[in-house]
PDB file of N, CA and C in Angstrom:
ATOM      1  N   UNK A   1      82.325 374.348  69.643  1.00  0.00           N
ATOM      2  CA  UNK A   1      82.900 375.136  70.733  1.00  0.00           C
ATOM      3  C   UNK A   1      84.201 374.671  71.046  1.00  0.00           C
ATOM      4  N   UNK A   2      84.364 373.454  70.958  1.00  0.00           N
ATOM      5  CA  UNK A   2      85.928 373.139  71.457  1.00  0.00           C
ATOM      6  C   UNK A   2      86.895 373.211  70.332  1.00  0.00           C
ATOM      7  N   UNK A   3      86.310 373.551  69.142  1.00  0.00           N
ATOM      8  CA  UNK A   3      87.536 374.051  68.267  1.00  0.00           C
ATOM      9  C   UNK A   3      87.479 375.529  67.868  1.00  0.00           C
ATOM     10  N   UNK A   4      86.993 376.015  68.753  1.00  0.00           N
ATOM     11  CA  UNK A   4      87.342 377.731  69.200  1.00  0.00           C
ATOM     12  C   UNK A   4      87.625 377.890  70.463  1.00  0.00           C
ATOM     13  N   UNK A   5      88.363 377.624  70.811  1.00  0.00           N
ATOM     14  CA  UNK A   5      88.529 377.812  72.590  1.00  0.00           C
ATOM     15  C   UNK A   5      89.045 379.323  73.157  1.00  0.00           C
ATOM     16  N   UNK A   6      89.212 380.254  71.951  1.00  0.00           N
ATOM     17  CA  UNK A   6      89.582 381.452  72.096  1.00  0.00           C
ATOM     18  C   UNK A   6      88.281 382.537  72.440  1.00  0.00           C
ATOM     19  N   UNK A   7      87.117 381.603  71.654  1.00  0.00           N
ATOM     20  CA  UNK A   7      85.736 382.459  71.600  1.00  0.00           C
ATOM     21  C   UNK A   7      84.971 381.985  72.993  1.00  0.00           C
ATOM     22  N   UNK A   8      84.907 380.281  72.897  1.00  0.00           N
ATOM     23  CA  UNK A   8      84.235 379.470  74.074  1.00  0.00           C
ATOM     24  C   UNK A   8      85.155 379.038  75.100  1.00  0.00           C
ATOM     25  N   UNK A   9      85.755 379.869  76.092  1.00  0.00           N
ATOM     26  CA  UNK A   9      86.601 379.722  76.941  1.00  0.00           C
ATOM     27  C   UNK A   9      85.873 379.354  78.192  1.00  0.00           C
ATOM     28  N   UNK A  10      85.033 379.505  78.455  1.00  0.00           N
ATOM     29  CA  UNK A  10      84.113 379.180  79.851  1.00  0.00           C
ATOM     30  C   UNK A  10      83.715 377.933  80.042  1.00  0.00           C
ATOM     31  N   UNK A  11      84.427 376.930  80.696  1.00  0.00           N
ATOM     32  CA  UNK A  11      84.215 375.602  80.897  1.00  0.00           C
ATOM     33  C   UNK A  11      82.632 375.632  81.421  1.00  0.00           C
ATOM     34  N   UNK A  12      81.894 376.018  81.985  1.00  0.00           N
ATOM     35  CA  UNK A  12      80.469 376.031  82.442  1.00  0.00           C
ATOM     36  C   UNK A  12      79.588 376.034  81.460  1.00  0.00           C
ATOM     37  N   UNK A  13      79.846 377.247  80.477  1.00  0.00           N
ATOM     38  CA  UNK A  13      79.050 377.342  79.534  1.00  0.00           C
ATOM     39  C   UNK A  13      79.276 376.039  78.376  1.00  0.00           C
ATOM     40  N   UNK A  14      80.542 375.458  78.440  1.00  0.00           N
ATOM     41  CA  UNK A  14      80.480 374.265  77.523  1.00  0.00           C
ATOM     42  C   UNK A  14      79.872 372.948  78.124  1.00  0.00           C
ATOM     43  N   UNK A  15      80.169 373.200  79.346  1.00  0.00           N
ATOM     44  CA  UNK A  15      79.295 371.677  80.074  1.00  0.00           C
ATOM     45  C   UNK A  15      77.682 371.859  79.989  1.00  0.00           C
ATOM     46  N   UNK A  16      77.277 373.240  80.271  1.00  0.00           N
ATOM     47  CA  UNK A  16      76.165 373.260  80.137  1.00  0.00           C
ATOM     48  C   UNK A  16      75.201 372.979  78.566  1.00  0.00           C
ATOM     49  N   UNK A  17      76.040 373.499  77.753  1.00  0.00           N
ATOM     50  CA  UNK A  17      75.698 373.462  76.221  1.00  0.00           C
ATOM     51  C   UNK A  17      75.773 371.900  75.898  1.00  0.00           C
ATOM     52  N   UNK A  18      76.888 371.320  76.362  1.00  0.00           N
ATOM     53  CA  UNK A  18      76.908 369.714  76.036  1.00  0.00           C
ATOM     54  C   UNK A  18      75.665 368.988  76.760  1.00  0.00           C
ATOM     55  N   UNK A  19      75.039 369.429  77.637  1.00  0.00           N
ATOM     56  CA  UNK A  19      74.113 369.011  78.370  1.00  0.00           C
ATOM     57  C   UNK A  19      72.433 369.117  77.057  1.00  0.00           C
ATOM     58  N   UNK A  20      72.447 370.182  76.566  1.00  0.00           N
ATOM     59  CA  UNK A  20      71.534 370.266  75.785  1.00  0.00           C
ATOM     60  C   UNK A  20      71.459 369.035  74.726  1.00  0.00           C
ATOM     61  N   UNK A  21      72.472 368.458  74.332  1.00  0.00           N
ATOM     62  CA  UNK A  21      72.678 367.725  73.027  1.00  0.00           C
ATOM     63  C   UNK A  21      71.803 366.609  73.346  1.00  0.00           C
ATOM     64  N   UNK A  22      71.371 366.218  74.474  1.00  0.00           N
ATOM     65  CA  UNK A  22      70.506 365.140  74.834  1.00  0.00           C
ATOM     66  C   UNK A  22      68.918 365.298  74.594  1.00  0.00           C
ATOM     67  N   UNK A  23      68.874 366.722  74.465  1.00  0.00           N
ATOM     68  CA  UNK A  23      67.289 366.987  73.962  1.00  0.00           C
ATOM     69  C   UNK A  23      67.275 366.665  72.475  1.00  0.00           C
ATOM     70  N   UNK A  24      65.995 365.998  72.185  1.00  0.00           N
ATOM     71  CA  UNK A  24      65.468 365.902  70.799  1.00  0.00           C
ATOM     72  C   UNK A  24      65.523 367.140  69.743  1.00  0.00           C
ATOM     73  N   UNK A  25      65.621 367.306  68.716  1.00  0.00           N
ATOM     74  CA  UNK A  25      65.862 368.239  67.823  1.00  0.00           C
ATOM     75  C   UNK A  25      64.341 369.009  68.009  1.00  0.00           C
ATOM     76  N   UNK A  26      64.138 370.019  67.725  1.00  0.00           N
ATOM     77  CA  UNK A  26      62.882 370.863  68.017  1.00  0.00           C
ATOM     78  C   UNK A  26      62.855 371.573  66.570  1.00  0.00           C
ATOM     79  N   UNK A  27      63.847 371.531  65.766  1.00  0.00           N
ATOM     80  CA  UNK A  27      63.777 372.306  64.535  1.00  0.00           C
ATOM     81  C   UNK A  27      62.656 372.178  63.371  1.00  0.00           C
ATOM     82  N   UNK A  28      62.111 370.925  63.336  1.00  0.00           N
ATOM     83  CA  UNK A  28      61.035 370.857  62.370  1.00  0.00           C
ATOM     84  C   UNK A  28      59.868 371.405  63.289  1.00  0.00           C
ATOM     85  N   UNK A  29      59.463 371.228  64.136  1.00  0.00           N
ATOM     86  CA  UNK A  29      58.419 371.854  65.075  1.00  0.00           C
ATOM     87  C   UNK A  29      58.360 373.467  65.030  1.00  0.00           C
ATOM     88  N   UNK A  30      59.495 373.948  65.172  1.00  0.00           N
ATOM     89  CA  UNK A  30      59.662 375.440  65.431  1.00  0.00           C
ATOM     90  C   UNK A  30      59.720 375.963  63.425  1.00  0.00           C
ATOM     91  N   UNK A  31      60.138 375.117  62.568  1.00  0.00           N
ATOM     92  CA  UNK A  31      60.095 375.766  61.413  1.00  0.00           C
ATOM     93  C   UNK A  31      58.354 375.563  60.644  1.00  0.00           C
ATOM     94  N   UNK A  32      57.761 374.445  60.976  1.00  0.00           N
ATOM     95  CA  UNK A  32      56.478 374.387  60.871  1.00  0.00           C
ATOM     96  C   UNK A  32      55.547 375.485  61.644  1.00  0.00           C
ATOM     97  N   UNK A  33      55.899 375.813  62.991  1.00  0.00           N
ATOM     98  CA  UNK A  33      55.427 376.923  63.112  1.00  0.00           C
ATOM     99  C   UNK A  33      55.658 378.152  62.554  1.00  0.00           C
ATOM    100  N   UNK A  34      56.634 378.729  62.555  1.00  0.00           N
ATOM    101  CA  UNK A  34      56.881 380.144  62.027  1.00  0.00           C
ATOM    102  C   UNK A  34      56.505 379.940  60.553  1.00  0.00           C
ATOM    103  N   UNK A  35      56.640 379.158  59.865  1.00  0.00           N
ATOM    104  CA  UNK A  35      56.341 379.466  58.171  1.00  0.00           C
ATOM    105  C   UNK A  35      54.795 379.549  57.779  1.00  0.00           C
ATOM    106  N   UNK A  36      54.105 379.395  58.771  1.00  0.00           N
ATOM    107  CA  UNK A  36      52.607 379.832  58.479  1.00  0.00           C
ATOM    108  C   UNK A  36      52.598 381.158  58.771  1.00  0.00           C
ATOM    109  N   UNK A  37      51.700 381.655  57.601  1.00  0.00           N
ATOM    110  CA  UNK A  37      51.780 383.216  57.344  1.00  0.00           C
ATOM    111  C   UNK A  37      51.180 383.926  58.854  1.00  0.00           C
ATOM    112  N   UNK A  38      50.084 383.111  59.037  1.00  0.00           N
ATOM    113  CA  UNK A  38      49.260 384.058  60.372  1.00  0.00           C
ATOM    114  C   UNK A  38      50.346 384.070  61.410  1.00  0.00           C
ATOM    115  N   UNK A  39      51.221 383.190  61.596  1.00  0.00           N
ATOM    116  CA  UNK A  39      51.780 383.155  62.773  1.00  0.00           C
ATOM    117  C   UNK A  39      53.098 384.339  62.651  1.00  0.00           C
ATOM    118  N   UNK A  40      53.443 384.715  61.527  1.00  0.00           N
ATOM    119  CA  UNK A  40      54.390 385.519  61.486  1.00  0.00           C
ATOM    120  C   UNK A  40      53.902 387.118  61.872  1.00  0.00           C
ATOM    121  N   UNK A  41      52.389 387.295  62.007  1.00  0.00           N
ATOM    122  CA  UNK A  41      51.926 388.391  61.813  1.00  0.00           C
ATOM    123  C   UNK A  41      51.368 388.919  63.218  1.00  0.00           C
ATOM    124  N   UNK A  42      51.893 387.914  64.284  1.00  0.00           N
ATOM    125  CA  UNK A  42      51.748 388.548  65.631  1.00  0.00           C
ATOM    126  C   UNK A  42      52.912 389.202  66.260  1.00  0.00           C
ATOM    127  N   UNK A  43      52.468 389.707  67.271  1.00  0.00           N
ATOM    128  CA  UNK A  43      53.607 390.860  67.847  1.00  0.00           C
ATOM    129  C   UNK A  43      54.973 390.316  68.202  1.00  0.00           C
ATOM    130  N   UNK A  44      54.842 388.872  68.638  1.00  0.00           N
ATOM    131  CA  UNK A  44      55.986 388.199  69.100  1.00  0.00           C
ATOM    132  C   UNK A  44      57.018 388.037  67.691  1.00  0.00           C
ATOM    133  N   UNK A  45      56.345 388.019  66.779  1.00  0.00           N
ATOM    134  CA  UNK A  45      57.128 387.857  65.683  1.00  0.00           C
ATOM    135  C   UNK A  45      57.668 389.132  65.054  1.00  0.00           C
ATOM    136  N   UNK A  46      56.848 390.058  64.883  1.00  0.00           N
ATOM    137  CA  UNK A  46      57.200 391.299  64.210  1.00  0.00           C
ATOM    138  C   UNK A  46      58.196 392.198  65.096  1.00  0.00           C
ATOM    139  N   UNK A  47      57.869 391.945  66.403  1.00  0.00           N
ATOM    140  CA  UNK A  47      58.671 393.101  67.268  1.00  0.00           C
ATOM    141  C   UNK A  47      60.007 392.701  67.131  1.00  0.00           C
ATOM    142  N   UNK A  48      60.672 391.341  66.877  1.00  0.00           N
ATOM    143  CA  UNK A  48      61.759 390.693  66.813  1.00  0.00           C
ATOM    144  C   UNK A  48      62.033 390.082  65.137  1.00  0.00           C
ATOM    145  N   UNK A  49      61.476 390.928  64.183  1.00  0.00           N
ATOM    146  CA  UNK A  49      61.563 390.110  62.836  1.00  0.00           C
ATOM    147  C   UNK A  49      62.752 389.766  62.686  1.00  0.00           C
ATOM    148  N   UNK A  50      63.812 390.804  62.725  1.00  0.00           N
ATOM    149  CA  UNK A  50      65.160 390.748  62.150  1.00  0.00           C
ATOM    150  C   UNK A  50      65.839 389.198  62.713  1.00  0.00           C
ATOM    151  N   UNK A  51      65.714 389.386  63.986  1.00  0.00           N
ATOM    152  CA  UNK A  51      66.321 388.008  64.406  1.00  0.00           C
ATOM    153  C   UNK A  51      65.619 386.651  64.003  1.00  0.00           C
ATOM    154  N   UNK A  52      64.202 386.815  64.283  1.00  0.00           N
ATOM    155  CA  UNK A  52      63.434 385.625  63.951  1.00  0.00           C
ATOM    156  C   UNK A  52      63.686 385.256  62.677  1.00  0.00           C
ATOM    157  N   UNK A  53      63.901 385.947  61.655  1.00  0.00           N
ATOM    158  CA  UNK A  53      64.171 385.631  60.125  1.00  0.00           C
ATOM    159  C   UNK A  53      65.495 385.028  60.021  1.00  0.00           C
ATOM    160  N   UNK A  54      66.417 385.500  60.674  1.00  0.00           N
ATOM    161  CA  UNK A  54      67.850 384.863  60.872  1.00  0.00           C
ATOM    162  C   UNK A  54      67.829 383.485  61.545  1.00  0.00           C
ATOM    163  N   UNK A  55      67.329 383.182  62.490  1.00  0.00           N
ATOM    164  CA  UNK A  55      66.860 382.164  63.343  1.00  0.00           C
ATOM    165  C   UNK A  55      66.085 381.102  62.104  1.00  0.00           C
ATOM    166  N   UNK A  56      64.762 381.594  61.526  1.00  0.00           N
ATOM    167  CA  UNK A  56      64.195 380.611  60.783  1.00  0.00           C
ATOM    168  C   UNK A  56      65.095 380.212  59.859  1.00  0.00           C
ATOM    169  N   UNK A  57      65.847 381.044  59.137  1.00  0.00           N
ATOM    170  CA  UNK A  57      66.763 380.762  57.931  1.00  0.00           C
ATOM    171  C   UNK A  57      67.611 379.837  58.314  1.00  0.00           C
ATOM    172  N   UNK A  58      68.135 380.123  59.370  1.00  0.00           N
ATOM    173  CA  UNK A  58      69.486 379.148  59.706  1.00  0.00           C
ATOM    174  C   UNK A  58      69.102 377.699  60.212  1.00  0.00           C
ATOM    175  N   UNK A  59      67.651 377.653  60.524  1.00  0.00           N
ATOM    176  CA  UNK A  59      67.111 376.216  60.800  1.00  0.00           C
ATOM    177  C   UNK A  59      66.798 375.887  59.660  1.00  0.00           C
ATOM    178  N   UNK A  60      66.150 376.645  58.680  1.00  0.00           N
ATOM    179  CA  UNK A  60      65.733 375.953  57.308  1.00  0.00           C
ATOM    180  C   UNK A  60      67.223 375.295  56.483  1.00  0.00           C
ATOM    181  N   UNK A  61      68.163 376.241  56.629  1.00  0.00           N
ATOM    182  CA  UNK A  61      69.620 376.123  56.122  1.00  0.00           C
ATOM    183  C   UNK A  61      69.964 374.814  56.617  1.00  0.00           C
ATOM    184  N   UNK A  62      70.134 374.295  57.880  1.00  0.00           N
ATOM    185  CA  UNK A  62      70.445 373.109  58.524  1.00  0.00           C
ATOM    186  C   UNK A  62      69.676 372.130  58.178  1.00  0.00           C
ATOM    187  N   UNK A  63      68.336 372.264  57.938  1.00  0.00           N
ATOM    188  CA  UNK A  63      67.509 371.129  57.888  1.00  0.00           C
ATOM    189  C   UNK A  63      67.664 370.713  56.468  1.00  0.00           C
ATOM    190  N   UNK A  64      67.918 371.870  55.482  1.00  0.00           N
ATOM    191  CA  UNK A  64      68.194 371.102  53.970  1.00  0.00           C
ATOM    192  C   UNK A  64      69.654 370.370  53.901  1.00  0.00           C
ATOM    193  N   UNK A  65      70.427 370.382  54.789  1.00  0.00           N
ATOM    194  CA  UNK A  65      71.544 369.581  54.610  1.00  0.00           C
ATOM    195  C   UNK A  65      71.054 368.041  54.251  1.00  0.00           C
ATOM    196  N   UNK A  66      70.189 367.588  55.352  1.00  0.00           N
ATOM    197  CA  UNK A  66      69.701 366.353  55.153  1.00  0.00           C
ATOM    198  C   UNK A  66      68.303 366.410  54.810  1.00  0.00           C
ATOM    199  N   UNK A  67      67.724 367.036  54.038  1.00  0.00           N
ATOM    200  CA  UNK A  67      66.316 367.515  53.364  1.00  0.00           C
ATOM    201  C   UNK A  67      65.783 366.273  52.772  1.00  0.00           C
ATOM    202  N   UNK A  68      64.522 365.997  53.010  1.00  0.00           N
ATOM    203  CA  UNK A  68      63.737 365.021  52.573  1.00  0.00           C
ATOM    204  C   UNK A  68      62.611 365.969  51.801  1.00  0.00           C
ATOM    205  N   UNK A  69      62.232 365.032  50.494  1.00  0.00           N
ATOM    206  CA  UNK A  69      61.404 365.800  49.740  1.00  0.00           C
ATOM    207  C   UNK A  69      60.155 365.698  49.982  1.00  0.00           C
ATOM    208  N   UNK A  70      59.942 365.012  51.301  1.00  0.00           N
ATOM    209  CA  UNK A  70      58.363 364.834  51.413  1.00  0.00           C
ATOM    210  C   UNK A  70      57.918 366.034  52.375  1.00  0.00           C
ATOM    211  N   UNK A  71      58.816 366.764  53.153  1.00  0.00           N
ATOM    212  CA  UNK A  71      58.451 367.963  53.813  1.00  0.00           C
ATOM    213  C   UNK A  71      57.342 368.639  53.342  1.00  0.00           C
ATOM    214  N   UNK A  72      56.223 369.054  54.019  1.00  0.00           N
ATOM    215  CA  UNK A  72      55.326 370.052  53.746  1.00  0.00           C
ATOM    216  C   UNK A  72      55.346 371.238  54.800  1.00  0.00           C
ATOM    217  N   UNK A  73      54.917 372.330  54.648  1.00  0.00           N
ATOM    218  CA  UNK A  73      55.075 373.451  55.137  1.00  0.00           C
ATOM    219  C   UNK A  73      53.790 374.148  55.101  1.00  0.00           C
ATOM    220  N   UNK A  74      52.823 374.674  55.905  1.00  0.00           N
ATOM    221  CA  UNK A  74      51.776 375.107  55.516  1.00  0.00           C
ATOM    222  C   UNK A  74      51.214 376.219  56.285  1.00  0.00           C
TER     223      UNK A  74
END
């Protein structure tokens, strides 16, 4: 955000976003939840399938940057 001030020029947004960095990452919890086929069959997934797929793929791609071969999804 700081490297793109022309896009993110609202100081309040920057401050609020920076406060989120204090929370633990939830990526693995979210991935493990949505990678289960039965979880993707509910309307909360299917009604927003497009954005849900993008967000899941983004999380998976980011987690693969420091992936450990012991991760299991079911």
